Amino acid sequence: MSTENKSIFKKIAEKFGVGKEPEEPVEEIREPSDLAAQEEQAEESSVLPPQEISTEEVGPAA
């Protein structure tokens, strides 16, 4: 890789703060109750019985 390319990548890395410690925590801190409720909803949605998909005869588009 040429030195020109390396300097471009270095500028990009500096612009986006790559390799540096974030000034503020990136992840949002959620209340434990919210997280538990979301997990319960995810479990319930995965247990739903499969629904039959009705197939109708469709004519060609006019």
Protein backbone atom coordinates (compact mmCIF):
# COMPACT_ATOMS: atom_id res chain seq x y z
CA MET A 1 0.00 0.00 0.00
CA SER A 2 1.36 3.40 -0.89
CA THR A 3 2.08 6.02 1.74
CA GLU A 4 -0.61 8.20 0.15
CA ASN A 5 -3.27 5.54 0.80
CA LYS A 6 -2.05 5.05 4.36
CA SER A 7 -2.37 8.76 5.09
CA ILE A 8 -5.92 8.80 3.69
CA PHE A 9 -6.92 5.89 5.93
CA LYS A 10 -5.25 7.58 8.88
CA LYS A 11 -7.28 10.76 8.27
CA ILE A 12 -10.49 8.73 8.05
CA ALA A 13 -9.64 6.85 11.25
CA GLU A 14 -8.97 10.12 13.07
CA LYS A 15 -12.21 11.64 11.77
CA PHE A 16 -14.32 8.75 13.05
CA GLY A 17 -12.29 8.24 16.22
CA VAL A 18 -11.21 4.70 15.34
CA GLY A 19 -8.90 3.22 17.94
CA LYS A 20 -9.75 5.78 20.60
CA GLU A 21 -11.74 5.34 23.77
CA PRO A 22 -15.27 6.72 23.36
CA GLU A 23 -15.91 9.87 25.34
CA GLU A 24 -19.41 8.71 26.27
CA PRO A 25 -20.72 5.15 26.52
CA VAL A 26 -22.17 4.18 23.17
CA GLU A 27 -24.74 1.64 24.32
CA GLU A 28 -27.92 2.83 25.93
CA ILE A 29 -28.51 1.60 29.45
CA ARG A 30 -31.97 0.08 29.72
CA GLU A 31 -33.94 -0.68 32.82
CA PRO A 32 -33.79 -4.39 33.70
CA SER A 33 -37.59 -4.59 33.69
CA ASP A 34 -37.71 -3.33 30.08
CA LEU A 35 -35.18 -5.94 29.00
CA ALA A 36 -37.08 -8.73 30.75
CA ALA A 37 -40.34 -7.62 29.10
CA GLN A 38 -38.68 -7.60 25.68
CA GLU A 39 -37.30 -11.11 26.22
CA GLU A 40 -40.76 -12.36 27.22
CA GLN A 41 -42.29 -10.82 24.10
CA ALA A 42 -39.62 -12.44 21.93
CA GLU A 43 -40.30 -15.84 23.49
CA GLU A 44 -44.06 -15.47 23.04
CA SER A 45 -43.74 -14.42 19.41
CA SER A 46 -41.54 -17.41 18.59
CA VAL A 47 -44.11 -19.82 20.10
CA LEU A 48 -47.02 -18.67 17.93
CA PRO A 49 -48.56 -21.52 15.92
CA PRO A 50 -47.94 -21.39 12.18
CA GLN A 51 -50.83 -19.83 10.31
CA GLU A 52 -52.13 -21.22 7.06
CA ILE A 53 -51.52 -18.99 4.08
CA SER A 54 -54.54 -18.84 1.85
CA THR A 55 -53.70 -19.26 -1.80
CA GLU A 56 -56.04 -17.66 -4.27
CA GLU A 57 -55.99 -18.01 -8.02
CA VAL A 58 -54.83 -14.72 -9.45
CA GLY A 59 -55.31 -13.89 -13.10
CA PRO A 60 -52.70 -12.17 -15.22
CA ALA A 61 -52.38 -8.43 -14.73
CA ALA A 62 -54.48 -6.48 -17.19
